[in-house]
Each structure stands twice: as C-alpha cells, then as structure tokens.
Amino acid sequence: MEENGEKFVVKDFSRNRCFYKNLFGRFLIWREAKAYRRLRGLKGVPRCYGVLEGLALVTEFVEGKTIKQVEKEGDLSPLFFERLKKLIDSFHRRGIAHCDLKRTPNILVSPEGQPYVLDWAASVSASECRFYPLTKIYNRLLQDDNMALIKMKLRHIPHHVAQQEKAMYESRSPGERLLR
C-alpha cells in the first residue's frame, strides 16, 4: 500500500472467518508485533508502524527480491551471506529466534545486496523459554536458524562454506535428515 508517497505493507486478518481471525489472527499479530518491538532499529528488519484493531500489522515496505528471484538472475554473493549471518547473530543477541528462515520468501535481497528478514509471527523469544526444558528448545531454535543459513550457503556458494559449518550440518540426527 502507499499513502503520502510512503509505501508500507499490511498483514491483515480482519477478512478471515470470525473464529480464525479472533483466535489465531489476533495471536499471530500480537506475537509478530512483540518481535518487531524487540528488533526495533536493527538493520535488515523492516520497521513496524503499529497494529490496527488487533487484527492487522503495518510494516515498512522493503524494496527487494526474494532469494528465488535473485537465484534466477544469477548467484548470490558471499558478501550477502556474511551480511545475513551478522543479521541472524544480531537478532539472536536480542533474544529472538526467527524459526522460519528455511522459507526463502521470508528473506529479501535489497538492490544494495542487504538481506531483510520478514514475517516474525513464528518467532520465539528467549524470555518465553526461561526454564528447563524450554531453554533447550530455544537453543535448538537458534541452531535451526543457523542451519537454515548453512543450507542456503551449501546451495548457493558451496565453496565458501567453512569445514566447521559443513560438520555441523552433517551432524544432524537421522530423524532431522529425514524431515529436511
């Protein structure tokens, strides 16, 4: 959407059926807004302008292409993946695991090559997982974010993947290998 020359994105559940919008829609918007507040000011995360009536989230429009779109035009650079790693480390330091980086539409590449991570509805904060065994689950979610990055690097720039990253990726459990 655009207003007064400024572009923005609205994630809106108000048109969903009553049960879904009021149970799931409100919860997902609340979760995502909470993540955006925690990540405010982080380069690579769109600004959140606010929540409308508990059912819609308004965020900054980011000019860019999905990884799949960039893939069709050529390879992604090692610099892009360095920037993405720094971004992932930054939101992890702020106590947020994204939990959905395997879905490439959640990562945009700006015209300058800057990664932007979108869709924080599935994210989990460290404060939600303060006690055992939730702390173990949270640490696993952080690891999954990093594994998603390694998997992308193996696909796009395999010759730039460090031995330690390859070993980490190959040490997945048999069940995890089967699922992914």
N, C-alpha and C. Protein backbone atom coordinates (compact mmCIF):
# COMPACT_ATOMS: atom_id res chain seq x y z
N MET A 1 0.83 -1.17 0.00
CA MET A 1 0.00 0.00 0.00
C MET A 1 0.88 1.24 0.00
N GLU A 2 0.28 2.35 -0.40
CA GLU A 2 1.02 3.61 -0.43
C GLU A 2 0.13 4.74 0.06
N GLU A 3 0.72 5.59 0.88
CA GLU A 3 0.00 6.76 1.37
C GLU A 3 0.99 7.90 1.53
N ASN A 4 0.65 9.07 0.99
CA ASN A 4 1.52 10.25 1.04
C ASN A 4 2.93 9.95 0.53
N GLY A 5 3.01 9.13 -0.51
CA GLY A 5 4.29 8.79 -1.12
C GLY A 5 5.11 7.76 -0.36
N GLU A 6 4.59 7.29 0.76
CA GLU A 6 5.32 6.28 1.54
C GLU A 6 4.65 4.92 1.37
N LYS A 7 5.48 3.91 1.09
CA LYS A 7 4.96 2.55 0.90
C LYS A 7 5.04 1.78 2.21
N PHE A 8 4.05 0.93 2.41
CA PHE A 8 4.04 0.08 3.59
C PHE A 8 3.30 -1.21 3.27
N VAL A 9 3.43 -2.18 4.16
CA VAL A 9 2.81 -3.49 3.99
C VAL A 9 1.84 -3.69 5.15
N VAL A 10 0.67 -4.23 4.85
CA VAL A 10 -0.30 -4.53 5.89
C VAL A 10 -0.59 -6.02 5.89
N LYS A 11 -0.31 -6.67 7.00
CA LYS A 11 -0.70 -8.07 7.19
C LYS A 11 -2.02 -8.02 7.94
N ASP A 12 -3.10 -8.45 7.29
CA ASP A 12 -4.44 -8.20 7.80
C ASP A 12 -5.24 -9.49 7.92
N PHE A 13 -5.71 -9.76 9.13
CA PHE A 13 -6.54 -10.94 9.38
C PHE A 13 -8.02 -10.59 9.49
N SER A 14 -8.37 -9.33 9.31
CA SER A 14 -9.76 -8.89 9.55
C SER A 14 -10.76 -9.53 8.60
N ARG A 15 -10.33 -9.98 7.45
CA ARG A 15 -11.25 -10.58 6.49
C ARG A 15 -11.39 -12.09 6.65
N ASN A 16 -10.62 -12.66 7.55
CA ASN A 16 -10.74 -14.09 7.81
C ASN A 16 -12.04 -14.37 8.56
N ARG A 17 -12.41 -15.63 8.59
CA ARG A 17 -13.62 -16.01 9.33
C ARG A 17 -13.46 -15.69 10.80
N CYS A 18 -14.56 -15.46 11.44
CA CYS A 18 -14.62 -14.97 12.82
C CYS A 18 -13.73 -15.79 13.77
N PHE A 19 -13.88 -17.10 13.77
CA PHE A 19 -13.12 -17.95 14.68
C PHE A 19 -11.62 -17.81 14.42
N TYR A 20 -11.20 -17.92 13.15
CA TYR A 20 -9.78 -17.86 12.81
C TYR A 20 -9.18 -16.50 13.14
N LYS A 21 -9.86 -15.44 12.70
CA LYS A 21 -9.29 -14.11 12.92
C LYS A 21 -9.19 -13.76 14.40
N ASN A 22 -10.18 -14.15 15.18
CA ASN A 22 -10.17 -13.78 16.60
C ASN A 22 -9.30 -14.68 17.45
N LEU A 23 -9.12 -15.91 17.06
CA LEU A 23 -8.27 -16.80 17.84
C LEU A 23 -6.83 -16.74 17.33
N PHE A 24 -6.64 -17.07 16.07
CA PHE A 24 -5.29 -17.15 15.52
C PHE A 24 -4.77 -15.79 15.05
N GLY A 25 -5.59 -15.05 14.34
CA GLY A 25 -5.16 -13.77 13.79
C GLY A 25 -4.64 -12.82 14.86
N ARG A 26 -5.42 -12.62 15.90
CA ARG A 26 -5.00 -11.72 16.98
C ARG A 26 -3.71 -12.20 17.65
N PHE A 27 -3.62 -13.51 17.86
CA PHE A 27 -2.43 -14.07 18.50
C PHE A 27 -1.19 -13.87 17.62
N LEU A 28 -1.31 -14.16 16.33
CA LEU A 28 -0.16 -14.02 15.43
C LEU A 28 0.28 -12.57 15.28
N ILE A 29 -0.68 -11.66 15.19
CA ILE A 29 -0.34 -10.23 15.09
C ILE A 29 0.35 -9.77 16.38
N TRP A 30 -0.17 -10.18 17.52
CA TRP A 30 0.43 -9.82 18.81
C TRP A 30 1.87 -10.32 18.89
N ARG A 31 2.08 -11.59 18.51
CA ARG A 31 3.43 -12.18 18.55
C ARG A 31 4.40 -11.44 17.64
N GLU A 32 3.93 -11.19 16.42
CA GLU A 32 4.81 -10.55 15.45
C GLU A 32 5.15 -9.11 15.88
N ALA A 33 4.16 -8.38 16.37
CA ALA A 33 4.40 -7.01 16.84
C ALA A 33 5.40 -7.01 18.00
N LYS A 34 5.29 -8.00 18.87
CA LYS A 34 6.21 -8.13 20.00
C LYS A 34 7.65 -8.33 19.50
N ALA A 35 7.81 -9.17 18.49
CA ALA A 35 9.15 -9.41 17.92
C ALA A 35 9.69 -8.13 17.28
N TYR A 36 8.85 -7.44 16.51
CA TYR A 36 9.29 -6.19 15.88
C TYR A 36 9.71 -5.15 16.92
N ARG A 37 9.01 -5.07 18.04
CA ARG A 37 9.41 -4.12 19.09
C ARG A 37 10.81 -4.46 19.61
N ARG A 38 11.05 -5.73 19.81
CA ARG A 38 12.35 -6.16 20.34
C ARG A 38 13.48 -5.92 19.32
N LEU A 39 13.14 -5.95 18.04
CA LEU A 39 14.14 -5.82 16.98
C LEU A 39 14.22 -4.41 16.41
N ARG A 40 13.48 -3.49 16.99
CA ARG A 40 13.43 -2.10 16.50
C ARG A 40 14.83 -1.54 16.29
N GLY A 41 15.03 -0.92 15.12
CA GLY A 41 16.30 -0.27 14.82
C GLY A 41 17.35 -1.18 14.23
N LEU A 42 17.08 -2.44 14.10
CA LEU A 42 18.05 -3.39 13.57
C LEU A 42 18.05 -3.33 12.04
N LYS A 43 19.21 -3.05 11.46
CA LYS A 43 19.32 -3.01 10.00
C LYS A 43 19.07 -4.41 9.45
N GLY A 44 18.11 -4.50 8.52
CA GLY A 44 17.77 -5.80 7.96
C GLY A 44 16.43 -6.32 8.46
N VAL A 45 15.79 -5.54 9.35
CA VAL A 45 14.45 -5.87 9.83
C VAL A 45 13.58 -4.65 9.54
N PRO A 46 12.50 -4.82 8.77
CA PRO A 46 11.64 -3.67 8.46
C PRO A 46 11.09 -3.02 9.73
N ARG A 47 10.84 -1.72 9.66
CA ARG A 47 10.21 -1.02 10.78
C ARG A 47 8.76 -1.46 10.90
N CYS A 48 8.28 -1.52 12.11
CA CYS A 48 6.87 -1.80 12.36
C CYS A 48 6.22 -0.49 12.76
N TYR A 49 5.16 -0.12 12.04
CA TYR A 49 4.47 1.14 12.32
C TYR A 49 3.36 0.97 13.34
N GLY A 50 2.91 -0.26 13.55
CA GLY A 50 1.90 -0.47 14.57
C GLY A 50 0.88 -1.54 14.21
N VAL A 51 -0.07 -1.71 15.12
CA VAL A 51 -1.13 -2.71 14.99
C VAL A 51 -2.46 -1.96 14.87
N LEU A 52 -3.31 -2.43 13.97
CA LEU A 52 -4.63 -1.84 13.77
C LEU A 52 -5.70 -2.78 14.32
N GLU A 53 -6.40 -2.34 15.33
CA GLU A 53 -7.53 -3.07 15.92
C GLU A 53 -7.20 -4.51 16.30
N GLY A 54 -5.93 -4.79 16.56
CA GLY A 54 -5.52 -6.12 16.97
C GLY A 54 -5.50 -7.16 15.88
N LEU A 55 -5.91 -6.78 14.66
CA LEU A 55 -6.04 -7.75 13.57
C LEU A 55 -5.14 -7.47 12.38
N ALA A 56 -4.42 -6.37 12.39
CA ALA A 56 -3.57 -6.03 11.25
C ALA A 56 -2.26 -5.42 11.75
N LEU A 57 -1.19 -5.73 11.04
CA LEU A 57 0.14 -5.24 11.38
C LEU A 57 0.64 -4.41 10.20
N VAL A 58 1.14 -3.21 10.46
CA VAL A 58 1.63 -2.33 9.41
C VAL A 58 3.15 -2.24 9.54
N THR A 59 3.85 -2.61 8.46
CA THR A 59 5.31 -2.57 8.46
C THR A 59 5.82 -1.81 7.24
N GLU A 60 7.08 -1.45 7.33
CA GLU A 60 7.77 -0.77 6.25
C GLU A 60 7.82 -1.66 5.01
N PHE A 61 7.61 -1.06 3.84
CA PHE A 61 7.80 -1.77 2.58
C PHE A 61 9.29 -1.77 2.28
N VAL A 62 9.83 -2.92 1.97
CA VAL A 62 11.25 -3.05 1.64
C VAL A 62 11.36 -3.40 0.17
N GLU A 63 12.07 -2.57 -0.56
CA GLU A 63 12.33 -2.84 -1.98
C GLU A 63 13.32 -3.99 -2.04
N GLY A 64 12.98 -5.02 -2.78
CA GLY A 64 13.90 -6.14 -2.89
C GLY A 64 13.29 -7.31 -3.61
N LYS A 65 14.09 -8.35 -3.72
CA LYS A 65 13.67 -9.58 -4.39
C LYS A 65 13.87 -10.74 -3.44
N THR A 66 13.07 -11.78 -3.64
CA THR A 66 13.26 -12.98 -2.84
C THR A 66 14.53 -13.69 -3.30
N ILE A 67 15.01 -14.59 -2.50
CA ILE A 67 16.20 -15.36 -2.87
C ILE A 67 15.95 -16.12 -4.16
N LYS A 68 14.74 -16.67 -4.32
CA LYS A 68 14.43 -17.41 -5.56
C LYS A 68 14.50 -16.51 -6.78
N GLN A 69 14.04 -15.27 -6.66
CA GLN A 69 14.10 -14.34 -7.78
C GLN A 69 15.55 -14.00 -8.12
N VAL A 70 16.37 -13.77 -7.11
CA VAL A 70 17.78 -13.45 -7.33
C VAL A 70 18.49 -14.66 -7.94
N GLU A 71 18.11 -15.84 -7.48
CA GLU A 71 18.68 -17.10 -7.96
C GLU A 71 18.53 -17.22 -9.48
N LYS A 72 17.38 -16.82 -10.00
CA LYS A 72 17.12 -16.91 -11.44
C LYS A 72 18.01 -15.98 -12.25
N GLU A 73 18.41 -14.87 -11.63
CA GLU A 73 19.24 -13.88 -12.32
C GLU A 73 20.73 -14.15 -12.17
N GLY A 74 21.09 -15.01 -11.27
CA GLY A 74 22.50 -15.30 -11.02
C GLY A 74 22.69 -15.71 -9.58
N ASP A 75 23.92 -15.97 -9.21
CA ASP A 75 24.20 -16.43 -7.86
C ASP A 75 24.21 -15.30 -6.85
N LEU A 76 23.96 -15.67 -5.62
CA LEU A 76 24.08 -14.74 -4.51
C LEU A 76 25.54 -14.67 -4.10
N SER A 77 25.98 -13.50 -3.69
CA SER A 77 27.40 -13.32 -3.37
C SER A 77 27.72 -13.79 -1.96
N PRO A 78 28.98 -14.14 -1.73
CA PRO A 78 29.40 -14.47 -0.36
C PRO A 78 29.16 -13.31 0.61
N LEU A 79 29.27 -12.06 0.11
CA LEU A 79 29.02 -10.90 0.95
C LEU A 79 27.58 -10.88 1.47
N PHE A 80 26.63 -11.28 0.63
CA PHE A 80 25.23 -11.35 1.06
C PHE A 80 25.11 -12.30 2.25
N PHE A 81 25.75 -13.46 2.16
CA PHE A 81 25.65 -14.45 3.24
C PHE A 81 26.38 -13.99 4.51
N GLU A 82 27.46 -13.23 4.35
CA GLU A 82 28.13 -12.65 5.53
C GLU A 82 27.18 -11.68 6.23
N ARG A 83 26.51 -10.85 5.43
CA ARG A 83 25.55 -9.89 5.99
C ARG A 83 24.38 -10.62 6.66
N LEU A 84 23.90 -11.68 6.02
CA LEU A 84 22.79 -12.44 6.59
C LEU A 84 23.21 -13.08 7.91
N LYS A 85 24.41 -13.61 7.98
CA LYS A 85 24.92 -14.21 9.23
C LYS A 85 24.98 -13.16 10.34
N LYS A 86 25.48 -11.96 10.01
CA LYS A 86 25.54 -10.88 11.01
C LYS A 86 24.14 -10.50 11.48
N LEU A 87 23.19 -10.47 10.55
CA LEU A 87 21.81 -10.14 10.91
C LEU A 87 21.22 -11.20 11.84
N ILE A 88 21.42 -12.47 11.49
CA ILE A 88 20.93 -13.56 12.34
C ILE A 88 21.56 -13.48 13.73
N ASP A 89 22.87 -13.26 13.78
CA ASP A 89 23.54 -13.12 15.08
C ASP A 89 22.97 -11.94 15.86
N SER A 90 22.63 -10.86 15.16
CA SER A 90 22.08 -9.66 15.83
C SER A 90 20.73 -9.94 16.46
N PHE A 91 19.83 -10.61 15.73
CA PHE A 91 18.54 -10.86 16.38
C PHE A 91 18.64 -11.95 17.43
N HIS A 92 19.59 -12.86 17.30
CA HIS A 92 19.80 -13.84 18.37
C HIS A 92 20.31 -13.13 19.64
N ARG A 93 21.20 -12.15 19.48
CA ARG A 93 21.70 -11.40 20.65
C ARG A 93 20.57 -10.63 21.33
N ARG A 94 19.57 -10.26 20.57
CA ARG A 94 18.41 -9.55 21.15
C ARG A 94 17.38 -10.53 21.72
N GLY A 95 17.71 -11.81 21.68
CA GLY A 95 16.84 -12.80 22.31
C GLY A 95 15.69 -13.27 21.46
N ILE A 96 15.87 -13.29 20.13
CA ILE A 96 14.80 -13.74 19.23
C ILE A 96 15.34 -14.80 18.27
N ALA A 97 14.62 -15.91 18.18
CA ALA A 97 14.87 -16.93 17.14
C ALA A 97 13.76 -16.76 16.11
N HIS A 98 14.10 -16.67 14.84
CA HIS A 98 13.10 -16.44 13.79
C HIS A 98 12.23 -17.67 13.58
N CYS A 99 12.83 -18.83 13.49
CA CYS A 99 12.13 -20.13 13.40
C CYS A 99 11.53 -20.44 12.03
N ASP A 100 11.73 -19.59 11.04
CA ASP A 100 11.16 -19.87 9.72
C ASP A 100 12.06 -19.36 8.60
N LEU A 101 13.36 -19.44 8.78
CA LEU A 101 14.29 -18.97 7.76
C LEU A 101 14.44 -19.94 6.60
N LYS A 102 13.94 -21.16 6.77
CA LYS A 102 14.02 -22.13 5.67
C LYS A 102 13.11 -21.72 4.52
N ARG A 103 12.09 -20.95 4.83
CA ARG A 103 11.19 -20.43 3.79
C ARG A 103 11.85 -19.21 3.15
N THR A 104 12.35 -19.38 1.95
CA THR A 104 13.09 -18.29 1.32
C THR A 104 12.27 -17.02 1.07
N PRO A 105 10.92 -17.07 0.95
CA PRO A 105 10.21 -15.79 0.82
C PRO A 105 10.34 -14.89 2.06
N ASN A 106 10.81 -15.43 3.16
CA ASN A 106 10.99 -14.64 4.37
C ASN A 106 12.29 -13.84 4.38
N ILE A 107 13.08 -13.98 3.32
CA ILE A 107 14.33 -13.23 3.21
C ILE A 107 14.33 -12.49 1.89
N LEU A 108 14.48 -11.17 1.96
CA LEU A 108 14.57 -10.34 0.76
C LEU A 108 16.01 -9.87 0.59
N VAL A 109 16.37 -9.62 -0.67
CA VAL A 109 17.67 -9.06 -1.01
C VAL A 109 17.40 -7.67 -1.57
N SER A 110 17.89 -6.63 -0.90
CA SER A 110 17.68 -5.26 -1.36
C SER A 110 18.53 -5.02 -2.61
N PRO A 111 18.26 -3.95 -3.36
CA PRO A 111 19.09 -3.65 -4.53
C PRO A 111 20.57 -3.48 -4.18
N GLU A 112 20.86 -3.11 -2.93
CA GLU A 112 22.26 -2.95 -2.48
C GLU A 112 22.86 -4.26 -1.97
N GLY A 113 22.08 -5.34 -1.99
CA GLY A 113 22.57 -6.63 -1.52
C GLY A 113 22.39 -6.87 -0.03
N GLN A 114 21.63 -6.00 0.64
CA GLN A 114 21.38 -6.14 2.07
C GLN A 114 20.25 -7.14 2.29
N PRO A 115 20.45 -8.13 3.16
CA PRO A 115 19.34 -9.04 3.48
C PRO A 115 18.34 -8.37 4.42
N TYR A 116 17.08 -8.67 4.21
CA TYR A 116 15.99 -8.25 5.09
C TYR A 116 15.22 -9.49 5.47
N VAL A 117 14.99 -9.68 6.76
CA VAL A 117 14.23 -10.83 7.24
C VAL A 117 12.83 -10.36 7.59
N LEU A 118 11.84 -11.06 7.04
CA LEU A 118 10.43 -10.71 7.19
C LEU A 118 9.69 -11.80 7.95
N ASP A 119 8.45 -11.53 8.27
CA ASP A 119 7.50 -12.50 8.83
C ASP A 119 7.99 -13.09 10.15
N TRP A 120 7.74 -12.37 11.22
CA TRP A 120 8.21 -12.75 12.54
C TRP A 120 7.14 -13.43 13.38
N ALA A 121 6.04 -13.86 12.76
CA ALA A 121 4.93 -14.47 13.50
C ALA A 121 5.32 -15.78 14.18
N ALA A 122 6.22 -16.53 13.59
CA ALA A 122 6.64 -17.82 14.17
C ALA A 122 7.80 -17.67 15.14
N SER A 123 8.31 -16.46 15.31
CA SER A 123 9.49 -16.27 16.14
C SER A 123 9.21 -16.59 17.61
N VAL A 124 10.30 -16.91 18.30
CA VAL A 124 10.22 -17.25 19.73
C VAL A 124 11.28 -16.41 20.45
N SER A 125 10.89 -15.84 21.57
CA SER A 125 11.85 -15.04 22.33
C SER A 125 12.43 -15.85 23.49
N ALA A 126 13.64 -15.48 23.86
CA ALA A 126 14.32 -16.16 24.97
C ALA A 126 13.50 -16.03 26.25
N SER A 127 12.81 -14.90 26.41
CA SER A 127 12.03 -14.70 27.64
C SER A 127 10.85 -15.67 27.75
N GLU A 128 10.42 -16.22 26.63
CA GLU A 128 9.34 -17.23 26.66
C GLU A 128 9.87 -18.61 27.06
N CYS A 129 11.18 -18.74 27.06
CA CYS A 129 11.80 -20.06 27.27
C CYS A 129 12.84 -19.99 28.38
N ARG A 130 12.48 -19.38 29.48
CA ARG A 130 13.45 -19.15 30.56
C ARG A 130 13.79 -20.38 31.38
N PHE A 131 12.91 -21.36 31.39
CA PHE A 131 13.09 -22.50 32.28
C PHE A 131 13.28 -23.80 31.50
N TYR A 132 14.06 -24.71 32.10
CA TYR A 132 14.28 -26.02 31.52
C TYR A 132 12.94 -26.76 31.47
N PRO A 133 12.62 -27.47 30.43
CA PRO A 133 13.35 -27.82 29.22
C PRO A 133 13.19 -26.80 28.09
N LEU A 134 12.45 -25.72 28.34
CA LEU A 134 12.24 -24.73 27.28
C LEU A 134 13.54 -24.07 26.84
N THR A 135 14.50 -23.94 27.75
CA THR A 135 15.79 -23.36 27.37
C THR A 135 16.48 -24.22 26.32
N LYS A 136 16.36 -25.53 26.46
CA LYS A 136 16.95 -26.44 25.47
C LYS A 136 16.25 -26.29 24.12
N ILE A 137 14.94 -26.16 24.16
CA ILE A 137 14.18 -25.99 22.92
C ILE A 137 14.57 -24.67 22.25
N TYR A 138 14.68 -23.60 23.03
CA TYR A 138 15.07 -22.30 22.47
C TYR A 138 16.46 -22.39 21.83
N ASN A 139 17.40 -23.02 22.51
CA ASN A 139 18.75 -23.17 21.93
C ASN A 139 18.70 -23.94 20.62
N ARG A 140 17.81 -24.91 20.54
CA ARG A 140 17.64 -25.68 19.30
C ARG A 140 17.07 -24.78 18.19
N LEU A 141 16.17 -23.89 18.55
CA LEU A 141 15.60 -22.97 17.56
C LEU A 141 16.66 -22.01 17.02
N LEU A 142 17.55 -21.56 17.89
CA LEU A 142 18.68 -20.73 17.44
C LEU A 142 19.54 -21.52 16.46
N GLN A 143 19.79 -22.77 16.80
CA GLN A 143 20.60 -23.63 15.93
C GLN A 143 19.89 -23.84 14.59
N ASP A 144 18.58 -24.00 14.60
CA ASP A 144 17.83 -24.17 13.35
C ASP A 144 17.95 -22.95 12.45
N ASP A 145 17.94 -21.75 13.03
CA ASP A 145 18.16 -20.54 12.22
C ASP A 145 19.52 -20.61 11.52
N ASN A 146 20.54 -21.01 12.28
CA ASN A 146 21.88 -21.11 11.70
C ASN A 146 21.98 -22.24 10.67
N MET A 147 21.28 -23.33 10.92
CA MET A 147 21.27 -24.45 9.96
C MET A 147 20.61 -24.02 8.64
N ALA A 148 19.57 -23.21 8.73
CA ALA A 148 18.92 -22.71 7.51
C ALA A 148 19.91 -21.89 6.69
N LEU A 149 20.72 -21.09 7.37
CA LEU A 149 21.74 -20.30 6.67
C LEU A 149 22.77 -21.22 6.01
N ILE A 150 23.24 -22.21 6.74
CA ILE A 150 24.24 -23.14 6.18
C ILE A 150 23.66 -23.85 4.96
N LYS A 151 22.42 -24.27 5.05
CA LYS A 151 21.78 -24.96 3.92
C LYS A 151 21.73 -24.05 2.69
N MET A 152 21.39 -22.77 2.90
CA MET A 152 21.38 -21.81 1.78
C MET A 152 22.78 -21.64 1.19
N LYS A 153 23.78 -21.55 2.07
CA LYS A 153 25.15 -21.40 1.60
C LYS A 153 25.59 -22.63 0.81
N LEU A 154 25.24 -23.82 1.29
CA LEU A 154 25.60 -25.04 0.57
C LEU A 154 24.98 -25.06 -0.83
N ARG A 155 23.81 -24.49 -0.94
CA ARG A 155 23.13 -24.46 -2.24
C ARG A 155 23.73 -23.40 -3.17
N HIS A 156 24.04 -22.23 -2.64
CA HIS A 156 24.43 -21.10 -3.49
C HIS A 156 25.93 -20.86 -3.58
N ILE A 157 26.65 -21.06 -2.50
CA ILE A 157 28.10 -20.80 -2.50
C ILE A 157 28.83 -21.93 -1.77
N PRO A 158 28.69 -23.17 -2.24
CA PRO A 158 29.25 -24.31 -1.50
C PRO A 158 30.75 -24.21 -1.25
N HIS A 159 31.48 -23.57 -2.14
CA HIS A 159 32.93 -23.45 -1.98
C HIS A 159 33.31 -22.43 -0.89
N HIS A 160 32.34 -21.70 -0.35
CA HIS A 160 32.60 -20.73 0.72
C HIS A 160 32.08 -21.21 2.09
N VAL A 161 31.63 -22.46 2.16
CA VAL A 161 31.13 -22.99 3.43
C VAL A 161 32.31 -23.54 4.22
N ALA A 162 32.47 -23.05 5.44
CA ALA A 162 33.58 -23.48 6.30
C ALA A 162 33.42 -24.94 6.70
N GLN A 163 34.53 -25.60 6.96
CA GLN A 163 34.51 -27.01 7.38
C GLN A 163 33.66 -27.20 8.63
N GLN A 164 33.78 -26.26 9.57
CA GLN A 164 33.00 -26.34 10.81
C GLN A 164 31.50 -26.30 10.51
N GLU A 165 31.10 -25.46 9.55
CA GLU A 165 29.68 -25.38 9.17
C GLU A 165 29.23 -26.67 8.51
N LYS A 166 30.07 -27.22 7.64
CA LYS A 166 29.72 -28.49 6.98
C LYS A 166 29.56 -29.60 8.02
N ALA A 167 30.48 -29.64 8.97
CA ALA A 167 30.41 -30.67 10.02
C ALA A 167 29.15 -30.51 10.86
N MET A 168 28.80 -29.27 11.17
CA MET A 168 27.59 -29.01 11.95
C MET A 168 26.36 -29.46 11.16
N TYR A 169 26.33 -29.16 9.88
CA TYR A 169 25.19 -29.51 9.05
C TYR A 169 25.07 -31.03 8.90
N GLU A 170 26.19 -31.71 8.77
CA GLU A 170 26.17 -33.16 8.59
C GLU A 170 25.96 -33.92 9.89
N SER A 171 26.04 -33.23 11.03
CA SER A 171 25.85 -33.91 12.31
C SER A 171 24.38 -33.95 12.73
N ARG A 172 23.49 -33.60 11.82
CA ARG A 172 22.06 -33.66 12.14
C ARG A 172 21.65 -35.10 12.44
N SER A 173 20.64 -35.23 13.25
CA SER A 173 20.15 -36.56 13.62
C SER A 173 19.47 -37.22 12.41
N PRO A 174 19.37 -38.56 12.40
CA PRO A 174 18.69 -39.24 11.29
C PRO A 174 17.25 -38.76 11.10
N GLY A 175 16.56 -38.50 12.19
CA GLY A 175 15.19 -38.00 12.09
C GLY A 175 15.12 -36.64 11.42
N GLU A 176 16.07 -35.79 11.78
CA GLU A 176 16.10 -34.45 11.18
C GLU A 176 16.44 -34.52 9.70
N ARG A 177 17.37 -35.39 9.34
CA ARG A 177 17.71 -35.56 7.92
C ARG A 177 16.51 -36.04 7.12
N LEU A 178 15.75 -36.94 7.71
CA LEU A 178 14.56 -37.46 7.04
C LEU A 178 13.52 -36.36 6.82
N LEU A 179 13.34 -35.51 7.82
CA LEU A 179 12.34 -34.44 7.73
C LEU A 179 12.76 -33.32 6.80
N ARG A 180 14.04 -33.12 6.61
CA ARG A 180 14.50 -31.98 5.81
C ARG A 180 15.11 -32.49 4.56
